[in-house]
Amino acid sequence: MGEAERGEAAPRQTVTYFCSHDHRSVVTFAIEASVPDSWDCPKCGLPASLDSENPPPAPKIEPYKTHLAYVKERRSETEAADILDEAVALLRSRRKAGEIIF
């Protein structure tokens, strides 16, 4: 199955992207296609740009945070102690009323 069966190929352009690890990625686009400003490097996965002198820096990776870490960002130690005291008092009152049986 050659070009005779499929018809002529669309006109193309090649674009070179550069990442911060000095990798070059050559990507082929149709002439009518809009060329993106950035492209993921297939070798290292970092973002690559059209500017060989100033490739984009590697993105900053945030460490994984637990649910408790997010809660501690929103609440102070005294607020947490107050909320805990309220919850324990409510639990004890419900236990005395017979709503909760252990």
N, C-alpha and C. Protein backbone atom coordinates (compact mmCIF):
# COMPACT_ATOMS: atom_id res chain seq x y z
N MET A 1 0.86 -1.17 0.00
CA MET A 1 0.00 0.00 0.00
C MET A 1 0.90 1.22 0.00
N GLY A 2 1.02 1.84 -1.09
CA GLY A 2 1.92 2.98 -1.22
C GLY A 2 1.17 4.27 -1.41
N GLU A 3 1.90 5.28 -1.84
CA GLU A 3 1.31 6.60 -2.01
C GLU A 3 0.26 6.61 -3.12
N ALA A 4 0.39 5.74 -4.09
CA ALA A 4 -0.57 5.70 -5.18
C ALA A 4 -1.96 5.30 -4.68
N GLU A 5 -2.04 4.37 -3.73
CA GLU A 5 -3.33 3.94 -3.21
C GLU A 5 -3.93 4.94 -2.22
N ARG A 6 -3.10 5.61 -1.47
CA ARG A 6 -3.58 6.52 -0.42
C ARG A 6 -3.70 7.96 -0.90
N GLY A 7 -3.09 8.31 -1.94
CA GLY A 7 -3.07 9.70 -2.37
C GLY A 7 -1.81 10.39 -1.87
N GLU A 8 -1.67 11.63 -2.21
CA GLU A 8 -0.48 12.37 -1.81
C GLU A 8 -0.53 12.74 -0.33
N ALA A 9 0.63 12.77 0.30
CA ALA A 9 0.72 13.16 1.70
C ALA A 9 0.55 14.67 1.83
N ALA A 10 0.00 15.09 2.94
CA ALA A 10 -0.18 16.53 3.20
C ALA A 10 1.19 17.18 3.38
N PRO A 11 1.32 18.44 3.00
CA PRO A 11 2.60 19.14 3.22
C PRO A 11 2.91 19.20 4.72
N ARG A 12 4.15 19.01 5.05
CA ARG A 12 4.55 18.93 6.46
C ARG A 12 5.66 19.92 6.78
N GLN A 13 5.77 20.14 8.09
CA GLN A 13 6.87 20.97 8.60
C GLN A 13 7.45 20.26 9.82
N THR A 14 8.73 20.37 10.02
CA THR A 14 9.36 19.79 11.20
C THR A 14 9.72 20.91 12.17
N VAL A 15 9.48 20.64 13.44
CA VAL A 15 9.73 21.61 14.50
C VAL A 15 10.62 20.94 15.54
N THR A 16 11.64 21.63 16.02
CA THR A 16 12.55 21.09 17.02
C THR A 16 12.27 21.74 18.37
N TYR A 17 12.12 20.90 19.38
CA TYR A 17 11.90 21.35 20.76
C TYR A 17 13.14 20.99 21.59
N PHE A 18 13.42 21.83 22.59
CA PHE A 18 14.61 21.65 23.44
C PHE A 18 14.18 21.62 24.90
N CYS A 19 14.67 20.61 25.65
CA CYS A 19 14.38 20.54 27.08
C CYS A 19 15.62 20.95 27.87
N SER A 20 15.48 21.06 29.19
CA SER A 20 16.59 21.53 30.02
C SER A 20 17.71 20.49 30.17
N HIS A 21 17.49 19.25 29.73
CA HIS A 21 18.54 18.23 29.76
C HIS A 21 19.28 18.13 28.42
N ASP A 22 19.16 19.16 27.60
CA ASP A 22 19.81 19.24 26.29
C ASP A 22 19.35 18.16 25.32
N HIS A 23 18.14 17.66 25.48
CA HIS A 23 17.56 16.72 24.51
C HIS A 23 16.88 17.52 23.41
N ARG A 24 16.96 17.01 22.21
CA ARG A 24 16.28 17.62 21.06
C ARG A 24 15.19 16.67 20.60
N SER A 25 13.99 17.21 20.43
CA SER A 25 12.87 16.42 19.94
C SER A 25 12.39 17.05 18.64
N VAL A 26 12.44 16.28 17.57
CA VAL A 26 11.98 16.76 16.28
C VAL A 26 10.59 16.18 16.04
N VAL A 27 9.61 17.06 15.87
CA VAL A 27 8.22 16.67 15.71
C VAL A 27 7.74 17.19 14.36
N THR A 28 6.99 16.35 13.66
CA THR A 28 6.47 16.72 12.35
C THR A 28 5.00 17.09 12.46
N PHE A 29 4.64 18.25 11.90
CA PHE A 29 3.27 18.73 11.90
C PHE A 29 2.85 19.03 10.47
N ALA A 30 1.55 19.01 10.24
CA ALA A 30 1.03 19.47 8.96
C ALA A 30 1.26 20.98 8.88
N ILE A 31 1.38 21.48 7.66
CA ILE A 31 1.63 22.91 7.46
C ILE A 31 0.49 23.74 8.06
N GLU A 32 -0.76 23.24 7.93
CA GLU A 32 -1.92 23.99 8.42
C GLU A 32 -2.06 23.94 9.95
N ALA A 33 -1.40 23.00 10.59
CA ALA A 33 -1.56 22.82 12.05
C ALA A 33 -0.86 23.95 12.79
N SER A 34 -1.46 24.33 13.91
CA SER A 34 -0.79 25.32 14.76
C SER A 34 0.24 24.60 15.62
N VAL A 35 1.42 25.15 15.66
CA VAL A 35 2.53 24.53 16.39
C VAL A 35 2.46 24.95 17.84
N PRO A 36 2.41 23.98 18.80
CA PRO A 36 2.37 24.35 20.22
C PRO A 36 3.70 24.94 20.68
N ASP A 37 3.61 25.81 21.68
CA ASP A 37 4.82 26.45 22.22
C ASP A 37 5.67 25.50 23.03
N SER A 38 5.02 24.47 23.62
CA SER A 38 5.78 23.51 24.43
C SER A 38 5.38 22.09 24.05
N TRP A 39 6.28 21.15 24.37
CA TRP A 39 6.09 19.75 24.03
C TRP A 39 6.81 18.93 25.10
N ASP A 40 6.24 17.82 25.51
CA ASP A 40 6.91 16.96 26.51
C ASP A 40 8.03 16.20 25.83
N CYS A 41 9.21 16.24 26.44
CA CYS A 41 10.37 15.54 25.90
C CYS A 41 10.12 14.03 25.99
N PRO A 42 10.25 13.29 24.87
CA PRO A 42 10.01 11.85 24.94
C PRO A 42 11.12 11.08 25.66
N LYS A 43 12.28 11.70 25.88
CA LYS A 43 13.39 11.00 26.54
C LYS A 43 13.32 11.12 28.06
N CYS A 44 12.99 12.31 28.56
CA CYS A 44 13.01 12.51 30.02
C CYS A 44 11.67 12.96 30.58
N GLY A 45 10.74 13.37 29.73
CA GLY A 45 9.42 13.77 30.21
C GLY A 45 9.31 15.22 30.65
N LEU A 46 10.40 15.95 30.64
CA LEU A 46 10.36 17.36 31.03
C LEU A 46 9.74 18.19 29.92
N PRO A 47 9.22 19.37 30.25
CA PRO A 47 8.70 20.23 29.18
C PRO A 47 9.84 20.75 28.31
N ALA A 48 9.54 20.86 27.02
CA ALA A 48 10.53 21.37 26.06
C ALA A 48 9.89 22.55 25.32
N SER A 49 10.72 23.47 24.87
CA SER A 49 10.22 24.65 24.16
C SER A 49 10.97 24.82 22.84
N LEU A 50 10.55 25.80 22.09
CA LEU A 50 11.16 26.08 20.79
C LEU A 50 12.48 26.84 20.93
N ASP A 51 12.72 27.45 22.08
CA ASP A 51 13.91 28.28 22.30
C ASP A 51 15.06 27.40 22.81
N SER A 52 16.07 27.23 21.98
CA SER A 52 17.19 26.37 22.38
C SER A 52 18.06 27.01 23.45
N GLU A 53 18.08 28.35 23.51
CA GLU A 53 18.91 29.05 24.49
C GLU A 53 18.27 29.08 25.89
N ASN A 54 16.95 29.07 25.95
CA ASN A 54 16.24 29.15 27.23
C ASN A 54 15.16 28.08 27.32
N PRO A 55 15.56 26.82 27.51
CA PRO A 55 14.54 25.78 27.66
C PRO A 55 13.80 25.96 28.98
N PRO A 56 12.55 25.50 29.06
CA PRO A 56 11.80 25.69 30.31
C PRO A 56 12.40 24.88 31.45
N PRO A 57 12.35 25.41 32.67
CA PRO A 57 12.88 24.66 33.81
C PRO A 57 11.99 23.48 34.15
N ALA A 58 12.55 22.55 34.85
CA ALA A 58 11.78 21.38 35.30
C ALA A 58 10.72 21.84 36.30
N PRO A 59 9.51 21.28 36.23
CA PRO A 59 8.47 21.70 37.18
C PRO A 59 8.82 21.26 38.60
N LYS A 60 8.42 22.09 39.55
CA LYS A 60 8.66 21.77 40.95
C LYS A 60 7.65 20.72 41.39
N ILE A 61 8.14 19.63 41.94
CA ILE A 61 7.27 18.53 42.36
C ILE A 61 6.99 18.68 43.85
N GLU A 62 5.72 18.83 44.17
CA GLU A 62 5.31 18.96 45.56
C GLU A 62 5.27 17.57 46.20
N PRO A 63 5.78 17.43 47.42
CA PRO A 63 5.71 16.13 48.07
C PRO A 63 4.27 15.78 48.44
N TYR A 64 4.00 14.50 48.55
CA TYR A 64 2.67 14.03 48.92
C TYR A 64 2.35 14.44 50.35
N LYS A 65 1.14 14.95 50.55
CA LYS A 65 0.71 15.34 51.90
C LYS A 65 -0.43 14.44 52.33
N THR A 66 -0.43 14.07 53.58
CA THR A 66 -1.51 13.27 54.13
C THR A 66 -2.69 14.18 54.48
N HIS A 67 -3.83 13.56 54.74
CA HIS A 67 -5.00 14.32 55.16
C HIS A 67 -4.70 15.10 56.44
N LEU A 68 -3.98 14.47 57.35
CA LEU A 68 -3.64 15.12 58.62
C LEU A 68 -2.78 16.36 58.39
N ALA A 69 -1.88 16.31 57.43
CA ALA A 69 -1.03 17.47 57.14
C ALA A 69 -1.87 18.65 56.65
N TYR A 70 -2.87 18.37 55.79
CA TYR A 70 -3.75 19.45 55.33
C TYR A 70 -4.59 20.01 56.47
N VAL A 71 -5.06 19.15 57.36
CA VAL A 71 -5.85 19.61 58.50
C VAL A 71 -4.99 20.50 59.40
N LYS A 72 -3.74 20.09 59.63
CA LYS A 72 -2.85 20.88 60.49
C LYS A 72 -2.52 22.24 59.88
N GLU A 73 -2.60 22.36 58.55
CA GLU A 73 -2.39 23.66 57.92
C GLU A 73 -3.56 24.60 58.21
N ARG A 74 -4.77 24.04 58.36
CA ARG A 74 -5.96 24.87 58.54
C ARG A 74 -6.26 25.15 60.01
N ARG A 75 -5.83 24.30 60.91
CA ARG A 75 -6.18 24.42 62.33
C ARG A 75 -4.92 24.59 63.18
N SER A 76 -5.07 25.39 64.24
CA SER A 76 -3.96 25.50 65.20
C SER A 76 -4.14 24.39 66.24
N GLU A 77 -3.14 24.23 67.07
CA GLU A 77 -3.19 23.19 68.11
C GLU A 77 -4.34 23.45 69.09
N THR A 78 -4.57 24.71 69.44
CA THR A 78 -5.65 25.01 70.38
C THR A 78 -7.02 24.78 69.74
N GLU A 79 -7.17 25.13 68.47
CA GLU A 79 -8.44 24.86 67.78
C GLU A 79 -8.71 23.36 67.71
N ALA A 80 -7.67 22.59 67.43
CA ALA A 80 -7.83 21.14 67.35
C ALA A 80 -8.23 20.56 68.70
N ALA A 81 -7.61 21.06 69.76
CA ALA A 81 -7.95 20.57 71.11
C ALA A 81 -9.39 20.94 71.46
N ASP A 82 -9.84 22.14 71.10
CA ASP A 82 -11.22 22.55 71.37
C ASP A 82 -12.22 21.67 70.62
N ILE A 83 -11.95 21.39 69.37
CA ILE A 83 -12.85 20.54 68.57
C ILE A 83 -12.89 19.13 69.15
N LEU A 84 -11.73 18.61 69.55
CA LEU A 84 -11.69 17.28 70.15
C LEU A 84 -12.47 17.24 71.46
N ASP A 85 -12.31 18.26 72.29
CA ASP A 85 -13.05 18.31 73.56
C ASP A 85 -14.55 18.35 73.33
N GLU A 86 -15.01 19.13 72.34
CA GLU A 86 -16.44 19.18 72.01
C GLU A 86 -16.96 17.82 71.56
N ALA A 87 -16.18 17.13 70.70
CA ALA A 87 -16.60 15.83 70.19
C ALA A 87 -16.66 14.80 71.31
N VAL A 88 -15.69 14.82 72.22
CA VAL A 88 -15.69 13.87 73.34
C VAL A 88 -16.85 14.16 74.28
N ALA A 89 -17.12 15.43 74.55
CA ALA A 89 -18.24 15.79 75.43
C ALA A 89 -19.58 15.35 74.81
N LEU A 90 -19.74 15.53 73.52
CA LEU A 90 -20.96 15.09 72.85
C LEU A 90 -21.10 13.58 72.91
N LEU A 91 -20.01 12.86 72.70
CA LEU A 91 -20.03 11.40 72.75
C LEU A 91 -20.38 10.91 74.15
N ARG A 92 -19.82 11.54 75.18
CA ARG A 92 -20.12 11.13 76.55
C ARG A 92 -21.58 11.42 76.92
N SER A 93 -22.11 12.55 76.46
CA SER A 93 -23.51 12.86 76.76
C SER A 93 -24.45 11.89 76.06
N ARG A 94 -24.11 11.50 74.84
CA ARG A 94 -24.94 10.52 74.12
C ARG A 94 -24.84 9.15 74.78
N ARG A 95 -23.69 8.81 75.33
CA ARG A 95 -23.53 7.52 76.00
C ARG A 95 -24.36 7.50 77.29
N LYS A 96 -24.35 8.62 78.04
CA LYS A 96 -25.14 8.70 79.28
C LYS A 96 -26.63 8.62 78.98
N ALA A 97 -27.05 9.17 77.84
CA ALA A 97 -28.46 9.15 77.46
C ALA A 97 -28.89 7.80 76.91
N GLY A 98 -27.94 6.89 76.73
CA GLY A 98 -28.27 5.56 76.24
C GLY A 98 -28.30 5.43 74.73
N GLU A 99 -27.90 6.47 74.02
CA GLU A 99 -27.90 6.41 72.56
C GLU A 99 -26.76 5.54 72.02
N ILE A 100 -25.65 5.51 72.72
CA ILE A 100 -24.48 4.74 72.30
C ILE A 100 -24.20 3.68 73.37
N ILE A 101 -24.13 2.43 72.95
CA ILE A 101 -23.86 1.34 73.88
C ILE A 101 -22.57 0.66 73.43
N PHE A 102 -21.64 0.50 74.36
CA PHE A 102 -20.39 -0.19 74.05
C PHE A 102 -20.39 -1.55 74.66
